[in-house]
């Protein structure tokens, strides 16, 4: 004897589909794929650092404060603004600082660790990326920075 007749089969199928739909809908949707996962988890409004209280701001072209942590951008070197060797270095350093601030404020970003966590000054060493591209490399391409070579260059 066949328990499942044609009308019962349709009703049962519709009920199962509805239950599956509700389960997926109530759980937040289908499982995320790797491509759908947000790769840039941080977003902030960066100002220029002033005074002793620094939380989220730009110090210069290769140093920032983010959420109370001082971070040295590990993949670049920019001209000095605190003790420049000449006026041209200070001007270029100021341009790098303003451009870094603009880049950071354009959207979400990631902080990638390198082979060591901190430098000799206690700053966290990180590469800042957006969509997998280094913000430092953008500064290099624009002539406002150089790739980090293990030492500071004379910009004069």
N, C-alpha and C. Protein backbone atom coordinates (compact mmCIF):
# COMPACT_ATOMS: atom_id res chain seq x y z
N UNK A 1 0.84 -1.17 0.00
CA UNK A 1 0.00 0.00 0.00
C UNK A 1 0.89 1.24 0.00
N UNK A 2 0.62 2.18 -0.87
CA UNK A 2 1.42 3.41 -1.02
C UNK A 2 0.86 4.50 -0.12
N UNK A 3 1.67 4.86 0.92
CA UNK A 3 1.22 5.88 1.87
C UNK A 3 1.28 7.27 1.23
N UNK A 4 2.31 7.50 0.41
CA UNK A 4 2.51 8.82 -0.19
C UNK A 4 1.81 8.89 -1.53
N UNK A 5 0.69 9.51 -1.55
CA UNK A 5 -0.01 9.73 -2.81
C UNK A 5 0.43 11.06 -3.36
N UNK A 6 0.12 11.31 -4.57
CA UNK A 6 0.55 12.52 -5.27
C UNK A 6 0.24 13.79 -4.50
N UNK A 7 -0.96 14.10 -4.03
CA UNK A 7 -1.19 15.35 -3.29
C UNK A 7 -0.39 15.41 -2.00
N UNK A 8 -0.26 14.28 -1.32
CA UNK A 8 0.52 14.28 -0.08
C UNK A 8 2.00 14.56 -0.36
N UNK A 9 2.53 14.02 -1.44
CA UNK A 9 3.92 14.23 -1.81
C UNK A 9 4.19 15.71 -2.06
N UNK A 10 3.29 16.38 -2.77
CA UNK A 10 3.46 17.81 -3.06
C UNK A 10 3.43 18.61 -1.77
N UNK A 11 2.50 18.32 -0.90
CA UNK A 11 2.38 19.05 0.37
C UNK A 11 3.64 18.82 1.22
N UNK A 12 4.11 17.58 1.29
CA UNK A 12 5.30 17.27 2.05
C UNK A 12 6.53 17.98 1.47
N UNK A 13 6.67 18.01 0.16
CA UNK A 13 7.79 18.68 -0.49
C UNK A 13 7.75 20.18 -0.21
N UNK A 14 6.59 20.80 -0.32
CA UNK A 14 6.46 22.24 -0.04
C UNK A 14 6.80 22.52 1.42
N UNK A 15 6.35 21.67 2.33
CA UNK A 15 6.63 21.86 3.76
C UNK A 15 8.12 21.75 4.04
N UNK A 16 8.79 20.78 3.43
CA UNK A 16 10.24 20.62 3.63
C UNK A 16 11.02 21.81 3.05
N UNK A 17 10.61 22.28 1.88
CA UNK A 17 11.27 23.45 1.27
C UNK A 17 11.08 24.69 2.14
N UNK A 18 9.88 24.87 2.67
CA UNK A 18 9.60 26.01 3.54
C UNK A 18 10.44 25.92 4.81
N UNK A 19 10.56 24.74 5.38
CA UNK A 19 11.37 24.55 6.59
C UNK A 19 12.84 24.85 6.31
N UNK A 20 13.35 24.39 5.17
CA UNK A 20 14.74 24.67 4.79
C UNK A 20 14.95 26.16 4.58
N UNK A 21 14.04 26.82 3.90
CA UNK A 21 14.13 28.26 3.68
C UNK A 21 14.16 29.00 5.01
N UNK A 22 13.25 28.65 5.93
CA UNK A 22 13.22 29.31 7.24
C UNK A 22 14.51 29.06 8.02
N UNK A 23 15.04 27.86 7.95
CA UNK A 23 16.29 27.54 8.66
C UNK A 23 17.44 28.40 8.13
N UNK A 24 17.54 28.53 6.82
CA UNK A 24 18.60 29.35 6.22
C UNK A 24 18.36 30.82 6.54
N UNK A 25 17.14 31.29 6.40
CA UNK A 25 16.81 32.70 6.65
C UNK A 25 17.09 33.08 8.10
N UNK A 26 16.66 32.25 9.03
CA UNK A 26 16.84 32.56 10.46
C UNK A 26 18.29 32.42 10.91
N UNK A 27 19.10 31.67 10.18
CA UNK A 27 20.51 31.51 10.56
C UNK A 27 21.39 32.60 9.96
N UNK A 28 20.83 33.51 9.20
CA UNK A 28 21.61 34.60 8.62
C UNK A 28 22.01 34.37 7.19
N UNK A 29 21.52 33.35 6.56
CA UNK A 29 21.80 33.11 5.16
C UNK A 29 22.75 31.94 4.97
N UNK A 30 23.08 31.66 3.74
CA UNK A 30 23.98 30.54 3.47
C UNK A 30 25.38 30.84 4.01
N UNK A 31 26.16 29.81 4.22
CA UNK A 31 27.52 29.97 4.73
C UNK A 31 28.34 30.86 3.80
N UNK A 32 29.17 31.71 4.41
CA UNK A 32 30.00 32.61 3.62
C UNK A 32 31.11 31.84 2.94
N UNK A 33 31.44 32.29 1.74
CA UNK A 33 32.61 31.75 1.07
C UNK A 33 33.79 32.65 1.42
N UNK A 34 34.99 32.22 1.12
CA UNK A 34 36.18 33.01 1.42
C UNK A 34 36.11 34.37 0.74
N UNK A 35 35.61 34.44 -0.47
CA UNK A 35 35.55 35.70 -1.20
C UNK A 35 34.59 36.68 -0.56
N UNK A 36 33.57 36.18 0.13
CA UNK A 36 32.56 37.06 0.72
C UNK A 36 32.97 37.59 2.09
N UNK A 37 34.00 37.01 2.71
CA UNK A 37 34.44 37.45 4.03
C UNK A 37 35.16 38.79 3.90
N UNK A 38 34.86 39.70 4.82
CA UNK A 38 35.50 41.00 4.79
C UNK A 38 36.98 40.84 5.13
N UNK A 39 37.87 41.27 4.22
CA UNK A 39 39.30 41.10 4.45
C UNK A 39 39.90 42.31 5.16
N UNK A 40 39.21 43.41 5.20
CA UNK A 40 39.72 44.62 5.85
C UNK A 40 38.83 44.96 7.05
N UNK A 41 39.20 44.49 8.23
CA UNK A 41 38.31 44.60 9.38
C UNK A 41 38.31 45.94 10.10
N UNK A 42 39.29 46.82 9.84
CA UNK A 42 39.38 48.06 10.59
C UNK A 42 38.89 49.26 9.79
N UNK A 43 38.29 50.19 10.51
CA UNK A 43 37.85 51.45 9.90
C UNK A 43 37.89 52.48 11.02
N UNK A 44 38.43 53.66 10.71
CA UNK A 44 38.53 54.70 11.73
C UNK A 44 38.62 56.06 11.05
N UNK A 45 38.42 57.08 11.85
CA UNK A 45 38.58 58.45 11.38
C UNK A 45 39.90 58.97 11.97
N UNK A 46 40.89 59.15 11.11
CA UNK A 46 42.22 59.58 11.54
C UNK A 46 42.36 61.09 11.43
N UNK A 47 42.82 61.69 12.50
CA UNK A 47 43.21 63.10 12.48
C UNK A 47 44.72 63.17 12.44
N UNK A 48 45.25 64.37 12.61
CA UNK A 48 46.69 64.57 12.75
C UNK A 48 46.99 64.62 14.24
N UNK A 49 48.04 63.94 14.67
CA UNK A 49 48.37 63.87 16.09
C UNK A 49 48.82 65.23 16.62
N UNK A 50 48.24 65.63 17.75
CA UNK A 50 48.63 66.84 18.49
C UNK A 50 48.68 66.49 19.96
N UNK A 51 49.64 67.02 20.67
CA UNK A 51 49.68 66.86 22.11
C UNK A 51 49.97 65.44 22.57
N UNK A 52 49.91 65.23 23.89
CA UNK A 52 50.29 63.94 24.46
C UNK A 52 49.22 62.85 24.35
N UNK A 53 47.95 63.22 24.25
CA UNK A 53 46.87 62.23 24.19
C UNK A 53 46.65 61.81 22.74
N UNK A 54 47.13 60.61 22.41
CA UNK A 54 47.04 60.11 21.04
C UNK A 54 46.33 58.77 21.04
N UNK A 55 45.24 58.69 20.28
CA UNK A 55 44.47 57.45 20.22
C UNK A 55 44.43 56.92 18.79
N UNK A 56 43.89 57.72 17.88
CA UNK A 56 43.80 57.33 16.46
C UNK A 56 44.14 58.56 15.63
N UNK A 57 45.40 58.64 15.21
CA UNK A 57 45.87 59.82 14.46
C UNK A 57 47.15 59.48 13.70
N UNK A 58 47.53 60.39 12.82
CA UNK A 58 48.73 60.21 12.00
C UNK A 58 49.84 61.10 12.55
N UNK A 59 50.99 60.49 12.86
CA UNK A 59 52.15 61.21 13.38
C UNK A 59 52.94 61.80 12.21
N UNK A 60 53.29 60.93 11.26
CA UNK A 60 54.03 61.35 10.06
C UNK A 60 53.71 60.35 8.96
N UNK A 61 54.47 60.34 7.89
CA UNK A 61 54.15 59.50 6.74
C UNK A 61 54.29 58.01 6.97
N UNK A 62 54.98 57.60 8.04
CA UNK A 62 55.13 56.17 8.29
C UNK A 62 54.85 55.76 9.74
N UNK A 63 54.20 56.63 10.51
CA UNK A 63 53.85 56.31 11.89
C UNK A 63 52.45 56.80 12.21
N UNK A 64 51.65 55.94 12.84
CA UNK A 64 50.29 56.30 13.23
C UNK A 64 50.03 55.83 14.66
N UNK A 65 48.98 56.34 15.23
CA UNK A 65 48.38 55.78 16.44
C UNK A 65 47.03 55.24 16.01
N UNK A 66 46.75 54.00 16.42
CA UNK A 66 45.46 53.39 16.10
C UNK A 66 44.95 52.68 17.35
N UNK A 67 43.80 53.13 17.81
CA UNK A 67 43.17 52.58 19.00
C UNK A 67 44.16 52.52 20.18
N UNK A 68 44.95 53.59 20.32
CA UNK A 68 45.87 53.71 21.44
C UNK A 68 47.20 52.99 21.27
N UNK A 69 47.42 52.37 20.13
CA UNK A 69 48.69 51.68 19.84
C UNK A 69 49.49 52.47 18.83
N UNK A 70 50.78 52.65 19.11
CA UNK A 70 51.66 53.34 18.17
C UNK A 70 52.17 52.32 17.15
N UNK A 71 51.96 52.62 15.87
CA UNK A 71 52.29 51.68 14.81
C UNK A 71 53.24 52.32 13.81
N UNK A 72 54.33 51.63 13.53
CA UNK A 72 55.28 52.04 12.48
C UNK A 72 54.96 51.21 11.26
N UNK A 73 54.72 51.88 10.13
CA UNK A 73 54.42 51.16 8.89
C UNK A 73 55.70 50.48 8.43
N UNK A 74 55.68 49.17 8.39
CA UNK A 74 56.89 48.37 8.26
C UNK A 74 57.49 48.31 6.87
N UNK A 75 56.70 48.57 5.84
CA UNK A 75 57.23 48.35 4.49
C UNK A 75 57.73 49.62 3.80
N UNK A 76 57.70 50.76 4.51
CA UNK A 76 58.15 52.01 3.88
C UNK A 76 58.98 52.87 4.83
N UNK A 77 59.62 53.87 4.25
CA UNK A 77 60.31 54.92 4.97
C UNK A 77 59.91 56.23 4.30
N UNK A 78 59.55 57.22 5.11
CA UNK A 78 59.17 58.53 4.57
C UNK A 78 60.10 59.61 5.12
N UNK A 79 60.13 60.76 4.48
CA UNK A 79 60.97 61.86 4.97
C UNK A 79 60.59 62.27 6.39
N UNK A 80 61.59 62.69 7.15
CA UNK A 80 61.37 63.10 8.54
C UNK A 80 60.74 64.49 8.61
N UNK A 81 59.85 64.66 9.59
CA UNK A 81 59.29 65.99 9.83
C UNK A 81 59.66 66.52 11.21
N UNK A 82 60.04 65.61 12.14
CA UNK A 82 60.40 66.08 13.47
C UNK A 82 61.84 66.60 13.51
N UNK A 83 62.74 66.01 12.76
CA UNK A 83 64.11 66.51 12.67
C UNK A 83 64.62 66.33 11.23
N UNK A 84 64.06 67.11 10.31
CA UNK A 84 64.44 66.97 8.91
C UNK A 84 65.86 67.49 8.66
N UNK A 85 66.49 66.94 7.64
CA UNK A 85 67.83 67.39 7.27
C UNK A 85 67.84 68.68 6.49
N UNK A 86 66.70 69.02 5.88
CA UNK A 86 66.59 70.24 5.09
C UNK A 86 65.11 70.59 4.90
N UNK A 87 64.85 71.76 4.37
CA UNK A 87 63.47 72.21 4.17
C UNK A 87 62.72 71.33 3.17
N UNK A 88 63.42 70.85 2.15
CA UNK A 88 62.77 69.99 1.14
C UNK A 88 62.30 68.68 1.77
N UNK A 89 63.10 68.11 2.68
CA UNK A 89 62.69 66.88 3.36
C UNK A 89 61.45 67.13 4.21
N UNK A 90 61.41 68.26 4.92
CA UNK A 90 60.26 68.56 5.76
C UNK A 90 58.99 68.74 4.92
N UNK A 91 59.10 69.43 3.78
CA UNK A 91 57.94 69.62 2.90
C UNK A 91 57.41 68.28 2.39
N UNK A 92 58.32 67.42 1.93
CA UNK A 92 57.91 66.11 1.42
C UNK A 92 57.34 65.25 2.54
N UNK A 93 57.91 65.34 3.73
CA UNK A 93 57.39 64.61 4.89
C UNK A 93 55.99 65.05 5.26
N UNK A 94 55.73 66.35 5.20
CA UNK A 94 54.38 66.86 5.49
C UNK A 94 53.38 66.35 4.45
N UNK A 95 53.81 66.33 3.18
CA UNK A 95 52.94 65.81 2.12
C UNK A 95 52.62 64.32 2.36
N UNK A 96 53.64 63.57 2.77
CA UNK A 96 53.43 62.14 3.03
C UNK A 96 52.45 61.95 4.19
N UNK A 97 52.57 62.76 5.22
CA UNK A 97 51.67 62.66 6.38
C UNK A 97 50.23 62.94 5.98
N UNK A 98 50.01 64.01 5.22
CA UNK A 98 48.65 64.37 4.80
C UNK A 98 48.07 63.30 3.86
N UNK A 99 48.91 62.76 2.98
CA UNK A 99 48.43 61.73 2.05
C UNK A 99 48.10 60.45 2.79
N UNK A 100 48.93 60.07 3.78
CA UNK A 100 48.63 58.88 4.57
C UNK A 100 47.31 59.05 5.31
N UNK A 101 47.08 60.21 5.88
CA UNK A 101 45.81 60.47 6.57
C UNK A 101 44.64 60.28 5.60
N UNK A 102 44.76 60.83 4.40
CA UNK A 102 43.69 60.69 3.41
C UNK A 102 43.47 59.22 3.04
N UNK A 103 44.55 58.48 2.82
CA UNK A 103 44.42 57.06 2.47
C UNK A 103 43.74 56.27 3.58
N UNK A 104 44.13 56.51 4.82
CA UNK A 104 43.53 55.79 5.94
C UNK A 104 42.04 56.10 6.09
N UNK A 105 41.67 57.33 5.81
CA UNK A 105 40.27 57.75 5.95
C UNK A 105 39.39 57.37 4.77
N UNK A 106 39.97 56.78 3.73
CA UNK A 106 39.18 56.40 2.55
C UNK A 106 38.39 55.12 2.73
N UNK A 107 38.64 54.36 3.79
CA UNK A 107 37.86 53.15 3.96
C UNK A 107 38.53 52.14 4.87
N UNK A 108 37.98 50.94 4.86
CA UNK A 108 38.46 49.87 5.72
C UNK A 108 39.88 49.46 5.33
N UNK A 109 40.60 48.93 6.31
CA UNK A 109 41.98 48.51 6.08
C UNK A 109 42.32 47.34 6.99
N UNK A 110 43.47 46.72 6.70
CA UNK A 110 43.99 45.62 7.51
C UNK A 110 45.36 45.99 8.03
N UNK A 111 45.74 45.38 9.14
CA UNK A 111 47.08 45.52 9.71
C UNK A 111 47.74 44.15 9.66
N UNK A 112 48.80 44.03 8.87
CA UNK A 112 49.47 42.75 8.72
C UNK A 112 50.78 42.74 9.49
N UNK A 113 50.97 41.70 10.26
CA UNK A 113 52.21 41.54 11.02
C UNK A 113 53.35 41.17 10.08
N UNK A 114 54.57 41.44 10.56
CA UNK A 114 55.76 41.02 9.82
C UNK A 114 56.54 40.05 10.70
N UNK A 115 57.80 39.80 10.36
CA UNK A 115 58.60 38.81 11.08
C UNK A 115 58.91 39.17 12.53
N UNK A 116 58.79 40.43 12.91
CA UNK A 116 58.95 40.83 14.31
C UNK A 116 57.82 41.77 14.68
N UNK A 117 57.43 41.76 15.95
CA UNK A 117 56.25 42.49 16.38
C UNK A 117 56.50 43.97 16.59
N UNK A 118 57.68 44.34 17.14
CA UNK A 118 57.95 45.74 17.46
C UNK A 118 59.35 46.14 17.04
N UNK A 119 59.54 47.46 16.88
CA UNK A 119 60.88 47.98 16.61
C UNK A 119 61.56 48.37 17.92
N UNK A 120 62.77 48.91 17.83
CA UNK A 120 63.53 49.23 19.04
C UNK A 120 62.92 50.36 19.86
N UNK A 121 61.95 51.10 19.29
CA UNK A 121 61.27 52.17 20.01
C UNK A 121 59.94 51.73 20.62
N UNK A 122 59.62 50.45 20.51
CA UNK A 122 58.39 49.92 21.08
C UNK A 122 57.15 50.11 20.21
N UNK A 123 57.35 50.54 18.97
CA UNK A 123 56.21 50.70 18.07
C UNK A 123 55.86 49.34 17.44
N UNK A 124 54.57 49.07 17.32
CA UNK A 124 54.14 47.86 16.61
C UNK A 124 54.52 48.01 15.15
N UNK A 125 55.08 46.98 14.56
CA UNK A 125 55.44 46.99 13.14
C UNK A 125 54.35 46.29 12.35
N UNK A 126 53.71 47.02 11.44
CA UNK A 126 52.62 46.47 10.64
C UNK A 126 52.69 47.02 9.21
N UNK A 127 52.17 46.25 8.28
CA UNK A 127 51.93 46.72 6.92
C UNK A 127 50.43 47.00 6.85
N UNK A 128 50.07 48.18 6.36
CA UNK A 128 48.66 48.55 6.27
C UNK A 128 48.20 48.29 4.84
N UNK A 129 47.13 47.50 4.70
CA UNK A 129 46.63 47.17 3.37
C UNK A 129 45.14 47.46 3.26
N UNK A 130 44.71 47.62 2.04
CA UNK A 130 43.29 47.72 1.70
C UNK A 130 43.10 46.88 0.45
N UNK A 131 42.15 45.96 0.51
CA UNK A 131 41.90 45.04 -0.60
C UNK A 131 43.18 44.33 -1.03
N UNK A 132 44.04 44.02 -0.06
CA UNK A 132 45.27 43.30 -0.34
C UNK A 132 46.42 44.14 -0.86
N UNK A 133 46.21 45.45 -1.04
CA UNK A 133 47.27 46.33 -1.57
C UNK A 133 47.81 47.21 -0.45
N UNK A 134 49.13 47.30 -0.37
CA UNK A 134 49.79 48.09 0.66
C UNK A 134 49.56 49.58 0.44
N UNK A 135 49.10 50.27 1.50
CA UNK A 135 48.98 51.73 1.41
C UNK A 135 50.36 52.36 1.31
N UNK A 136 51.36 51.72 1.92
CA UNK A 136 52.73 52.21 1.79
C UNK A 136 53.20 52.19 0.35
N UNK A 137 52.84 51.15 -0.39
CA UNK A 137 53.22 51.08 -1.81
C UNK A 137 52.58 52.22 -2.62
N UNK A 138 51.42 52.66 -2.21
CA UNK A 138 50.79 53.80 -2.88
C UNK A 138 51.65 55.05 -2.66
N UNK A 139 52.11 55.24 -1.42
CA UNK A 139 53.00 56.38 -1.13
C UNK A 139 54.30 56.29 -1.92
N UNK A 140 54.84 55.08 -2.05
CA UNK A 140 56.06 54.88 -2.84
C UNK A 140 55.80 55.26 -4.30
N UNK A 141 54.70 54.78 -4.85
CA UNK A 141 54.36 55.06 -6.26
C UNK A 141 54.17 56.56 -6.50
N UNK A 142 53.71 57.28 -5.47
CA UNK A 142 53.48 58.72 -5.61
C UNK A 142 54.73 59.55 -5.27
N UNK A 143 55.85 58.89 -4.97
CA UNK A 143 57.09 59.59 -4.68
C UNK A 143 57.17 60.18 -3.28
N UNK A 144 56.27 59.78 -2.39
CA UNK A 144 56.25 60.31 -1.03
C UNK A 144 56.93 59.39 -0.02
N UNK A 145 57.38 58.24 -0.46
CA UNK A 145 58.03 57.27 0.41
C UNK A 145 58.96 56.41 -0.43
N UNK A 146 59.76 55.62 0.27
CA UNK A 146 60.57 54.59 -0.37
C UNK A 146 60.31 53.28 0.34
N UNK A 147 60.58 52.18 -0.33
CA UNK A 147 60.46 50.88 0.32
C UNK A 147 61.49 50.81 1.45
N UNK A 148 61.10 50.21 2.58
CA UNK A 148 61.99 50.09 3.71
C UNK A 148 63.16 49.18 3.35
N UNK A 149 64.39 49.68 3.56
CA UNK A 149 65.60 48.93 3.22
C UNK A 149 66.42 48.60 4.46
N UNK A 150 65.87 48.85 5.64
CA UNK A 150 66.58 48.55 6.86
C UNK A 150 67.30 49.74 7.48
N UNK A 151 67.24 50.88 6.82
CA UNK A 151 67.88 52.08 7.35
C UNK A 151 67.20 53.31 6.79
N UNK A 152 67.39 54.44 7.47
CA UNK A 152 66.79 55.70 7.01
C UNK A 152 67.70 56.35 5.98
N UNK A 153 67.09 56.91 4.99
CA UNK A 153 67.82 57.55 3.91
C UNK A 153 67.90 59.05 4.16
N UNK A 154 68.88 59.68 3.59
CA UNK A 154 68.98 61.15 3.60
C UNK A 154 68.14 61.66 2.43
N UNK A 155 67.11 62.40 2.71
CA UNK A 155 66.20 62.90 1.68
C UNK A 155 66.64 64.23 1.09
N UNK A 156 67.73 64.80 1.58
CA UNK A 156 68.16 66.14 1.11
C UNK A 156 69.04 66.09 -0.11
